[in-house]
C-alpha atoms as a PDB file:
ATOM      1  CA  MET A   1     110.180 114.847  83.237  1.00  0.00           C
ATOM      2  CA  ASP A   2     107.894 113.320  85.862  1.00  0.00           C
ATOM      3  CA  ASN A   3     109.314 111.490  88.853  1.00  0.00           C
ATOM      4  CA  ILE A   4     107.613 108.125  89.210  1.00  0.00           C
ATOM      5  CA  LEU A   5     107.213 106.223  92.461  1.00  0.00           C
ATOM      6  CA  THR A   6     106.082 102.602  92.473  1.00  0.00           C
ATOM      7  CA  LEU A   7     105.020 101.044  95.768  1.00  0.00           C
ATOM      8  CA  GLN A   8     103.970  97.563  96.778  1.00  0.00           C
ATOM      9  CA  ILE A   9     102.040  97.713 100.059  1.00  0.00           C
ATOM     10  CA  ALA A  10     100.914  94.543 101.809  1.00  0.00           C
ATOM     11  CA  SER A  11      98.788  96.261 104.447  1.00  0.00           C
ATOM     12  CA  PRO A  12      95.390  97.537 103.211  1.00  0.00           C
ATOM     13  CA  SER A  13      95.141 100.042 106.076  1.00  0.00           C
ATOM     14  CA  LEU A  14      98.602 101.449 105.362  1.00  0.00           C
ATOM     15  CA  LYS A  15      97.692 101.711 101.677  1.00  0.00           C
ATOM     16  CA  GLU A  16      94.550 103.691 102.566  1.00  0.00           C
ATOM     17  CA  GLN A  17      96.493 106.053 104.830  1.00  0.00           C
ATOM     18  CA  LEU A  18      99.194 106.617 102.240  1.00  0.00           C
ATOM     19  CA  MET A  19      96.656 107.190  99.464  1.00  0.00           C
ATOM     20  CA  HIS A  20      94.906 109.775 101.653  1.00  0.00           C
ATOM     21  CA  VAL A  21      98.151 111.645 102.387  1.00  0.00           C
ATOM     22  CA  LEU A  22      99.224 111.575  98.747  1.00  0.00           C
ATOM     23  CA  SER A  23      95.806 112.764  97.563  1.00  0.00           C
ATOM     24  CA  LEU A  24      96.252 115.937  99.657  1.00  0.00           C
ATOM     25  CA  MET A  25      99.537 116.868  98.003  1.00  0.00           C
ATOM     26  CA  LYS A  26      99.738 119.326  95.118  1.00  0.00           C
ATOM     27  CA  GLY A  27     101.622 117.968  92.140  1.00  0.00           C
ATOM     28  CA  VAL A  28     100.931 114.326  92.976  1.00  0.00           C
ATOM     29  CA  ARG A  29      98.815 112.291  90.596  1.00  0.00           C
ATOM     30  CA  ILE A  30      97.829 108.742  91.491  1.00  0.00           C
ATOM     31  CA  VAL A  31      97.903 106.783  88.248  1.00  0.00           C
ATOM     32  CA  SER A  32      96.778 103.377  89.440  1.00  0.00           C
ATOM     33  CA  THR A  33      95.884 101.754  92.741  1.00  0.00           C
ATOM     34  CA  ASP A  34      94.960  98.271  91.574  1.00  0.00           C
ATOM     35  CA  ALA A  35      97.604  95.569  91.102  1.00  0.00           C
ATOM     36  CA  SER A  36      95.485  93.990  88.376  1.00  0.00           C
ATOM     37  CA  THR A  37      95.540  97.231  86.336  1.00  0.00           C
ATOM     38  CA  LYS A  38      98.528  97.157  84.044  1.00  0.00           C
ATOM     39  CA  ASN A  39     100.041 100.089  82.247  1.00  0.00           C
ATOM     40  CA  VAL A  40     101.595  99.207  78.901  1.00  0.00           C
ATOM     41  CA  ALA A  41     104.771 101.050  79.904  1.00  0.00           C
ATOM     42  CA  LEU A  42     105.072  99.114  83.154  1.00  0.00           C
ATOM     43  CA  ASP A  43     105.627  95.382  83.344  1.00  0.00           C
ATOM     44  CA  GLU A  44     105.661  94.287  86.995  1.00  0.00           C
ATOM     45  CA  ASP A  45     108.016  91.395  86.198  1.00  0.00           C
ATOM     46  CA  ILE A  46     110.682  93.627  84.624  1.00  0.00           C
ATOM     47  CA  PRO A  47     111.757  96.676  86.670  1.00  0.00           C
ATOM     48  CA  ASN A  48     112.322  99.849  84.673  1.00  0.00           C
ATOM     49  CA  ALA A  49     115.582 101.829  84.823  1.00  0.00           C
ATOM     50  CA  THR A  50     114.338 104.088  87.633  1.00  0.00           C
ATOM     51  CA  THR A  51     113.337 101.126  89.786  1.00  0.00           C
ATOM     52  CA  LEU A  52     116.638  99.355  89.120  1.00  0.00           C
ATOM     53  CA  ALA A  53     118.556 102.507  90.106  1.00  0.00           C
ATOM     54  CA  ALA A  54     116.516 102.792  93.332  1.00  0.00           C
ATOM     55  CA  MET A  55     117.167  99.133  94.135  1.00  0.00           C
ATOM     56  CA  LYS A  56     120.917  99.641  93.643  1.00  0.00           C
ATOM     57  CA  GLU A  57     120.780 102.757  95.840  1.00  0.00           C
ATOM     58  CA  VAL A  58     119.184 100.787  98.680  1.00  0.00           C
ATOM     59  CA  GLU A  59     121.587  97.889  98.274  1.00  0.00           C
ATOM     60  CA  SER A  60     124.540 100.300  98.472  1.00  0.00           C
ATOM     61  CA  GLY A  61     123.339 101.559 101.862  1.00  0.00           C
ATOM     62  CA  HIS A  62     122.532 105.076 100.612  1.00  0.00           C
ATOM     63  CA  ASP A  63     118.747 104.905 100.690  1.00  0.00           C
ATOM     64  CA  ALA A  64     116.509 107.910 101.382  1.00  0.00           C
ATOM     65  CA  GLY A  65     115.670 106.763 104.888  1.00  0.00           C
ATOM     66  CA  VAL A  66     112.347 106.498 106.678  1.00  0.00           C
ATOM     67  CA  VAL A  67     109.234 107.987 105.074  1.00  0.00           C
ATOM     68  CA  ARG A  68     106.553 108.778 107.657  1.00  0.00           C
ATOM     69  CA  VAL A  69     102.908 108.625 106.559  1.00  0.00           C
ATOM     70  CA  ASP A  70     101.070 109.255 109.827  1.00  0.00           C
ATOM     71  CA  SER A  71     100.253 112.824 108.757  1.00  0.00           C
ATOM     72  CA  LEU A  72     100.860 115.152 105.832  1.00  0.00           C
ATOM     73  CA  GLU A  73     103.283 117.207 107.899  1.00  0.00           C
ATOM     74  CA  SER A  74     105.285 114.131 108.920  1.00  0.00           C
ATOM     75  CA  PHE A  75     105.335 112.911 105.328  1.00  0.00           C
ATOM     76  CA  MET A  76     106.569 116.259 103.996  1.00  0.00           C
ATOM     77  CA  ALA A  77     109.219 116.520 106.736  1.00  0.00           C
ATOM     78  CA  SER A  78     110.510 113.022 106.032  1.00  0.00           C
ATOM     79  CA  MET A  79     110.609 113.724 102.288  1.00  0.00           C
ATOM     80  CA  SER A  80     112.588 116.931 102.928  1.00  0.00           C
ATOM     81  CA  LYS A  81     115.152 114.922 104.877  1.00  0.00           C
ATOM     82  CA  ALA A  82     115.302 112.342 102.078  1.00  0.00           C
ATOM     83  CA  THR A  83     115.924 114.941  99.356  1.00  0.00           C
ATOM     84  CA  ALA A  84     118.594 116.672 101.471  1.00  0.00           C
ATOM     85  CA  PHE A  85     120.654 113.479 101.207  1.00  0.00           C
END
């Protein structure tokens, strides 16, 4: 089963940086980068079960923490800390 991550990024420069870092990672596939592109399985007005679970996790105070995107190494290190939780 694939793990799906949905992001909403207000800053165009941050989006570009994140897309660059993600594009360098093995096993990561960017499905869509345009808010106007809709996937039949995803309705932006109705969060799916994974998104709802993530929202509850954050609300409970047990979120994954800070994800750094300034470099691939920083990103990987921050993701390692998040998965160790």
